[in-house]
Amino acid sequence: MAVKIRLRRMGSRNAAFYRVIIQDSRRAPTGRFIETVGWYDPKQEGNNFSLNLDRINYWISNGAQPSETAKSLIKKAAALPIEQAVTGEVTEEEVPVASVEAEEAAEEAVAEEAPAEETAEEKA
């Protein structure tokens, strides 16, 4: 089941607000949904949205894809680096320690080989 995090329009004409919902991507935005995880009111001053970040992180870790608008709200709420969760990009902080150690060992091996070549050239 392809799950999306999207906004659902609520309210009356000219007084719209939105609920942030978890929903199967094949359903209409006004159809049945799995869970409500927050709200967004674009006309309200100041704090105009609220998100349950624990549940959003749970759904993203289980493969839910946020819509563009939901993604921007999650970024504003500082839920997590959303690009990383959605696209799978790895930042420098997340590089496994083993790969860093392997790179350092490779650099040391190259550094050891270089002086050996120079001494051979000096002898000739």
N, C-alpha and C. Protein backbone atom coordinates (compact mmCIF):
# COMPACT_ATOMS: atom_id res chain seq x y z
N MET A 1 0.85 -1.17 0.00
CA MET A 1 0.00 0.00 0.00
C MET A 1 0.90 1.24 0.00
N ALA A 2 0.72 2.10 -0.98
CA ALA A 2 1.49 3.35 -1.08
C ALA A 2 0.81 4.40 -0.21
N VAL A 3 1.51 4.84 0.81
CA VAL A 3 0.94 5.78 1.77
C VAL A 3 1.52 7.17 1.53
N LYS A 4 0.67 8.17 1.63
CA LYS A 4 1.06 9.57 1.45
C LYS A 4 0.71 10.36 2.70
N ILE A 5 1.51 11.41 2.94
CA ILE A 5 1.18 12.41 3.95
C ILE A 5 0.74 13.62 3.16
N ARG A 6 -0.51 14.00 3.29
CA ARG A 6 -1.05 15.09 2.48
C ARG A 6 -2.00 15.95 3.28
N LEU A 7 -2.42 17.06 2.66
CA LEU A 7 -3.35 17.97 3.31
C LEU A 7 -4.76 17.74 2.79
N ARG A 8 -5.71 17.83 3.71
CA ARG A 8 -7.13 17.66 3.37
C ARG A 8 -7.84 18.96 3.68
N ARG A 9 -8.49 19.54 2.68
CA ARG A 9 -9.16 20.84 2.85
C ARG A 9 -10.42 20.66 3.69
N MET A 10 -10.57 21.55 4.66
CA MET A 10 -11.74 21.55 5.54
C MET A 10 -12.24 22.99 5.63
N GLY A 11 -13.33 23.21 6.33
CA GLY A 11 -13.84 24.56 6.53
C GLY A 11 -14.81 24.97 5.44
N SER A 12 -15.29 26.19 5.55
CA SER A 12 -16.26 26.69 4.58
C SER A 12 -15.56 27.52 3.51
N ARG A 13 -16.33 27.98 2.57
CA ARG A 13 -15.79 28.79 1.49
C ARG A 13 -15.18 30.06 2.07
N ASN A 14 -14.00 30.42 1.59
CA ASN A 14 -13.24 31.59 2.04
C ASN A 14 -12.77 31.50 3.49
N ALA A 15 -12.90 30.36 4.12
CA ALA A 15 -12.40 30.16 5.48
C ALA A 15 -11.80 28.76 5.59
N ALA A 16 -10.96 28.42 4.63
CA ALA A 16 -10.41 27.07 4.57
C ALA A 16 -9.29 26.88 5.59
N PHE A 17 -9.21 25.68 6.12
CA PHE A 17 -8.06 25.23 6.88
C PHE A 17 -7.82 23.80 6.45
N TYR A 18 -6.69 23.24 6.83
CA TYR A 18 -6.31 21.93 6.33
C TYR A 18 -5.93 21.01 7.47
N ARG A 19 -6.24 19.74 7.31
CA ARG A 19 -5.78 18.71 8.22
C ARG A 19 -4.67 17.94 7.52
N VAL A 20 -3.61 17.65 8.25
CA VAL A 20 -2.52 16.85 7.72
C VAL A 20 -2.88 15.40 8.03
N ILE A 21 -3.02 14.60 6.98
CA ILE A 21 -3.49 13.23 7.16
C ILE A 21 -2.52 12.23 6.53
N ILE A 22 -2.64 10.99 6.99
CA ILE A 22 -1.95 9.86 6.40
C ILE A 22 -3.02 9.11 5.61
N GLN A 23 -2.74 8.86 4.32
CA GLN A 23 -3.77 8.29 3.47
C GLN A 23 -3.14 7.44 2.37
N ASP A 24 -3.87 6.42 1.94
CA ASP A 24 -3.47 5.63 0.79
C ASP A 24 -3.45 6.54 -0.43
N SER A 25 -2.38 6.50 -1.21
CA SER A 25 -2.23 7.43 -2.33
C SER A 25 -3.27 7.22 -3.42
N ARG A 26 -3.91 6.06 -3.46
CA ARG A 26 -4.90 5.79 -4.50
C ARG A 26 -6.27 6.34 -4.16
N ARG A 27 -6.45 6.84 -2.97
CA ARG A 27 -7.74 7.41 -2.56
C ARG A 27 -7.79 8.90 -2.84
N ALA A 28 -9.00 9.41 -2.98
CA ALA A 28 -9.21 10.85 -3.16
C ALA A 28 -8.88 11.56 -1.85
N PRO A 29 -8.36 12.78 -1.90
CA PRO A 29 -8.03 13.50 -0.67
C PRO A 29 -9.22 13.70 0.27
N THR A 30 -10.43 13.64 -0.26
CA THR A 30 -11.61 13.79 0.59
C THR A 30 -12.14 12.44 1.06
N GLY A 31 -11.47 11.35 0.68
CA GLY A 31 -11.93 10.01 1.02
C GLY A 31 -11.42 9.55 2.38
N ARG A 32 -11.56 8.25 2.59
CA ARG A 32 -11.16 7.63 3.85
C ARG A 32 -9.65 7.77 4.06
N PHE A 33 -9.24 8.01 5.32
CA PHE A 33 -7.82 8.16 5.63
C PHE A 33 -7.45 7.29 6.80
N ILE A 34 -6.16 7.12 7.01
CA ILE A 34 -5.66 6.24 8.07
C ILE A 34 -5.57 6.98 9.40
N GLU A 35 -4.99 8.18 9.38
CA GLU A 35 -4.73 8.89 10.64
C GLU A 35 -4.60 10.40 10.37
N THR A 36 -5.03 11.20 11.34
CA THR A 36 -4.81 12.64 11.31
C THR A 36 -3.59 12.94 12.18
N VAL A 37 -2.61 13.65 11.60
CA VAL A 37 -1.37 13.92 12.34
C VAL A 37 -1.12 15.40 12.57
N GLY A 38 -2.07 16.26 12.20
CA GLY A 38 -1.88 17.68 12.45
C GLY A 38 -2.87 18.54 11.68
N TRP A 39 -2.66 19.86 11.76
CA TRP A 39 -3.52 20.80 11.05
C TRP A 39 -2.70 21.99 10.59
N TYR A 40 -3.25 22.73 9.62
CA TYR A 40 -2.60 23.92 9.07
C TYR A 40 -3.68 24.93 8.72
N ASP A 41 -3.57 26.14 9.28
CA ASP A 41 -4.53 27.21 9.00
C ASP A 41 -3.76 28.39 8.41
N PRO A 42 -3.81 28.57 7.08
CA PRO A 42 -3.02 29.63 6.45
C PRO A 42 -3.46 31.04 6.81
N LYS A 43 -4.69 31.22 7.28
CA LYS A 43 -5.19 32.56 7.60
C LYS A 43 -4.90 32.98 9.04
N GLN A 44 -4.52 32.05 9.87
CA GLN A 44 -4.26 32.35 11.27
C GLN A 44 -2.90 33.02 11.42
N GLU A 45 -2.81 34.01 12.28
CA GLU A 45 -1.56 34.72 12.54
C GLU A 45 -0.70 33.92 13.52
N GLY A 46 0.60 34.07 13.43
CA GLY A 46 1.50 33.42 14.38
C GLY A 46 1.62 31.93 14.12
N ASN A 47 1.40 31.15 15.16
CA ASN A 47 1.51 29.70 15.06
C ASN A 47 0.30 29.17 14.29
N ASN A 48 0.48 28.93 13.01
CA ASN A 48 -0.67 28.55 12.19
C ASN A 48 -0.68 27.07 11.80
N PHE A 49 0.15 26.25 12.46
CA PHE A 49 0.07 24.81 12.20
C PHE A 49 0.54 24.04 13.42
N SER A 50 0.12 22.79 13.49
CA SER A 50 0.53 21.90 14.57
C SER A 50 0.68 20.50 13.97
N LEU A 51 1.79 19.84 14.28
CA LEU A 51 2.05 18.51 13.75
C LEU A 51 2.45 17.57 14.87
N ASN A 52 2.02 16.32 14.77
CA ASN A 52 2.45 15.27 15.69
C ASN A 52 3.69 14.64 15.06
N LEU A 53 4.86 15.15 15.41
CA LEU A 53 6.10 14.75 14.76
C LEU A 53 6.47 13.30 15.01
N ASP A 54 6.10 12.76 16.17
CA ASP A 54 6.40 11.36 16.44
C ASP A 54 5.70 10.45 15.44
N ARG A 55 4.42 10.72 15.21
CA ARG A 55 3.67 9.89 14.25
C ARG A 55 4.14 10.11 12.82
N ILE A 56 4.51 11.35 12.47
CA ILE A 56 5.01 11.62 11.12
C ILE A 56 6.32 10.88 10.89
N ASN A 57 7.22 10.93 11.88
CA ASN A 57 8.48 10.19 11.75
C ASN A 57 8.24 8.69 11.63
N TYR A 58 7.26 8.18 12.38
CA TYR A 58 6.92 6.77 12.29
C TYR A 58 6.47 6.41 10.88
N TRP A 59 5.57 7.20 10.32
CA TRP A 59 5.05 6.90 8.98
C TRP A 59 6.11 7.07 7.91
N ILE A 60 6.97 8.06 8.03
CA ILE A 60 8.05 8.23 7.05
C ILE A 60 9.01 7.05 7.12
N SER A 61 9.32 6.59 8.33
CA SER A 61 10.20 5.43 8.46
C SER A 61 9.58 4.17 7.89
N ASN A 62 8.25 4.14 7.80
CA ASN A 62 7.57 2.99 7.20
C ASN A 62 7.26 3.20 5.73
N GLY A 63 7.82 4.24 5.12
CA GLY A 63 7.71 4.41 3.68
C GLY A 63 6.71 5.43 3.18
N ALA A 64 6.08 6.19 4.06
CA ALA A 64 5.12 7.21 3.61
C ALA A 64 5.86 8.34 2.91
N GLN A 65 5.28 8.84 1.82
CA GLN A 65 5.87 9.93 1.05
C GLN A 65 5.05 11.19 1.27
N PRO A 66 5.66 12.26 1.79
CA PRO A 66 4.90 13.50 1.99
C PRO A 66 4.71 14.26 0.68
N SER A 67 3.59 14.96 0.57
CA SER A 67 3.38 15.84 -0.58
C SER A 67 4.31 17.04 -0.43
N GLU A 68 4.41 17.86 -1.47
CA GLU A 68 5.30 19.03 -1.41
C GLU A 68 4.91 19.98 -0.27
N THR A 69 3.61 20.24 -0.12
CA THR A 69 3.17 21.15 0.93
C THR A 69 3.40 20.54 2.31
N ALA A 70 3.10 19.26 2.46
CA ALA A 70 3.34 18.59 3.74
C ALA A 70 4.83 18.58 4.06
N LYS A 71 5.66 18.38 3.04
CA LYS A 71 7.10 18.38 3.23
C LYS A 71 7.58 19.73 3.76
N SER A 72 7.05 20.82 3.20
CA SER A 72 7.48 22.14 3.66
C SER A 72 7.01 22.41 5.10
N LEU A 73 5.83 21.93 5.46
CA LEU A 73 5.37 22.08 6.85
C LEU A 73 6.25 21.29 7.81
N ILE A 74 6.63 20.09 7.40
CA ILE A 74 7.47 19.25 8.25
C ILE A 74 8.84 19.90 8.43
N LYS A 75 9.37 20.50 7.36
CA LYS A 75 10.65 21.20 7.47
C LYS A 75 10.54 22.36 8.45
N LYS A 76 9.44 23.12 8.37
CA LYS A 76 9.25 24.25 9.28
C LYS A 76 9.19 23.77 10.72
N ALA A 77 8.60 22.63 10.94
CA ALA A 77 8.48 22.10 12.29
C ALA A 77 9.77 21.42 12.75
N ALA A 78 10.75 21.36 11.86
CA ALA A 78 12.04 20.73 12.17
C ALA A 78 11.87 19.30 12.63
N ALA A 79 11.03 18.57 11.91
CA ALA A 79 10.78 17.18 12.27
C ALA A 79 12.04 16.34 12.09
N LEU A 80 12.65 16.41 10.94
CA LEU A 80 13.87 15.71 10.62
C LEU A 80 14.32 16.18 9.26
N PRO A 81 15.54 15.86 8.88
CA PRO A 81 15.96 16.23 7.52
C PRO A 81 15.13 15.45 6.51
N ILE A 82 14.08 16.04 6.03
CA ILE A 82 13.11 15.33 5.20
C ILE A 82 13.68 14.84 3.89
N GLU A 83 14.63 15.59 3.30
CA GLU A 83 15.24 15.13 2.06
C GLU A 83 15.89 13.78 2.28
N GLN A 84 16.54 13.66 3.40
CA GLN A 84 17.21 12.43 3.73
C GLN A 84 16.21 11.29 3.86
N ALA A 85 15.11 11.53 4.51
CA ALA A 85 14.11 10.49 4.71
C ALA A 85 13.42 10.11 3.41
N VAL A 86 13.20 11.07 2.54
CA VAL A 86 12.45 10.81 1.31
C VAL A 86 13.35 10.30 0.20
N THR A 87 14.50 10.93 -0.02
CA THR A 87 15.34 10.56 -1.15
C THR A 87 16.42 9.56 -0.79
N GLY A 88 16.67 9.36 0.49
CA GLY A 88 17.69 8.41 0.91
C GLY A 88 19.11 8.95 0.81
N GLU A 89 19.28 10.25 0.70
CA GLU A 89 20.61 10.84 0.63
C GLU A 89 21.31 10.66 1.97
N VAL A 90 22.61 10.44 1.93
CA VAL A 90 23.39 10.24 3.15
C VAL A 90 24.25 11.47 3.37
N THR A 91 24.16 12.03 4.56
CA THR A 91 24.98 13.19 4.90
C THR A 91 26.31 12.71 5.48
N GLU A 92 27.25 13.62 5.67
CA GLU A 92 28.55 13.25 6.22
C GLU A 92 28.42 12.69 7.63
N GLU A 93 27.45 13.17 8.38
CA GLU A 93 27.27 12.72 9.75
C GLU A 93 26.85 11.26 9.80
N GLU A 94 26.20 10.76 8.75
CA GLU A 94 25.68 9.41 8.77
C GLU A 94 26.58 8.39 8.09
N VAL A 95 27.73 8.81 7.58
CA VAL A 95 28.63 7.87 6.92
C VAL A 95 29.08 6.86 7.97
N PRO A 96 28.96 5.57 7.68
CA PRO A 96 29.35 4.56 8.65
C PRO A 96 30.82 4.71 9.04
N VAL A 97 31.13 4.39 10.28
CA VAL A 97 32.49 4.53 10.81
C VAL A 97 33.44 3.61 10.05
N ALA A 98 32.99 2.42 9.67
CA ALA A 98 33.85 1.47 8.97
C ALA A 98 34.34 2.05 7.65
N SER A 99 33.48 2.74 6.91
CA SER A 99 33.91 3.29 5.63
C SER A 99 34.91 4.43 5.83
N VAL A 100 34.75 5.21 6.89
CA VAL A 100 35.70 6.28 7.19
C VAL A 100 37.05 5.68 7.53
N GLU A 101 37.05 4.61 8.33
CA GLU A 101 38.31 3.96 8.70
C GLU A 101 38.97 3.34 7.48
N ALA A 102 38.19 2.78 6.56
CA ALA A 102 38.74 2.19 5.35
C ALA A 102 39.39 3.26 4.48
N GLU A 103 38.76 4.43 4.38
CA GLU A 103 39.34 5.53 3.60
C GLU A 103 40.65 5.99 4.22
N GLU A 104 40.69 6.09 5.55
CA GLU A 104 41.92 6.52 6.22
C GLU A 104 43.03 5.49 6.01
N ALA A 105 42.70 4.21 6.06
CA ALA A 105 43.69 3.16 5.84
C ALA A 105 44.22 3.22 4.41
N ALA A 106 43.35 3.49 3.45
CA ALA A 106 43.77 3.60 2.05
C ALA A 106 44.70 4.79 1.87
N GLU A 107 44.39 5.91 2.52
CA GLU A 107 45.25 7.09 2.43
C GLU A 107 46.62 6.82 3.05
N GLU A 108 46.65 6.09 4.16
CA GLU A 108 47.92 5.76 4.80
C GLU A 108 48.75 4.85 3.91
N ALA A 109 48.09 3.89 3.25
CA ALA A 109 48.80 2.98 2.36
C ALA A 109 49.42 3.74 1.20
N VAL A 110 48.70 4.68 0.64
CA VAL A 110 49.23 5.50 -0.45
C VAL A 110 50.39 6.35 0.05
N ALA A 111 50.27 6.90 1.24
CA ALA A 111 51.34 7.72 1.81
C ALA A 111 52.60 6.90 2.06
N GLU A 112 52.47 5.63 2.45
CA GLU A 112 53.61 4.76 2.69
C GLU A 112 54.29 4.38 1.39
N GLU A 113 53.52 4.16 0.33
CA GLU A 113 54.08 3.76 -0.96
C GLU A 113 54.86 4.90 -1.60
N ALA A 114 54.41 6.12 -1.46
CA ALA A 114 55.05 7.26 -2.11
C ALA A 114 56.49 7.45 -1.64
N PRO A 115 56.82 7.43 -0.35
CA PRO A 115 58.22 7.59 0.06
C PRO A 115 59.09 6.44 -0.42
N ALA A 116 58.55 5.23 -0.51
CA ALA A 116 59.33 4.09 -0.97
C ALA A 116 59.76 4.29 -2.42
N GLU A 117 58.92 4.83 -3.25
CA GLU A 117 59.25 5.10 -4.64
C GLU A 117 60.32 6.18 -4.74
N GLU A 118 60.25 7.19 -3.91
CA GLU A 118 61.21 8.28 -3.94
C GLU A 118 62.60 7.79 -3.55
N THR A 119 62.68 6.93 -2.54
CA THR A 119 63.98 6.43 -2.12
C THR A 119 64.59 5.55 -3.20
N ALA A 120 63.78 4.80 -3.94
CA ALA A 120 64.30 3.98 -5.04
C ALA A 120 64.85 4.87 -6.14
N GLU A 121 64.21 5.98 -6.41
CA GLU A 121 64.68 6.90 -7.44
C GLU A 121 65.96 7.61 -6.99
N GLU A 122 66.07 7.90 -5.71
CA GLU A 122 67.25 8.58 -5.20
C GLU A 122 68.48 7.68 -5.28
N LYS A 123 68.30 6.37 -5.08
CA LYS A 123 69.42 5.43 -5.12
C LYS A 123 69.95 5.29 -6.54
N ALA A 124 69.10 5.44 -7.52
CA ALA A 124 69.53 5.24 -8.91
C ALA A 124 70.30 6.38 -9.47
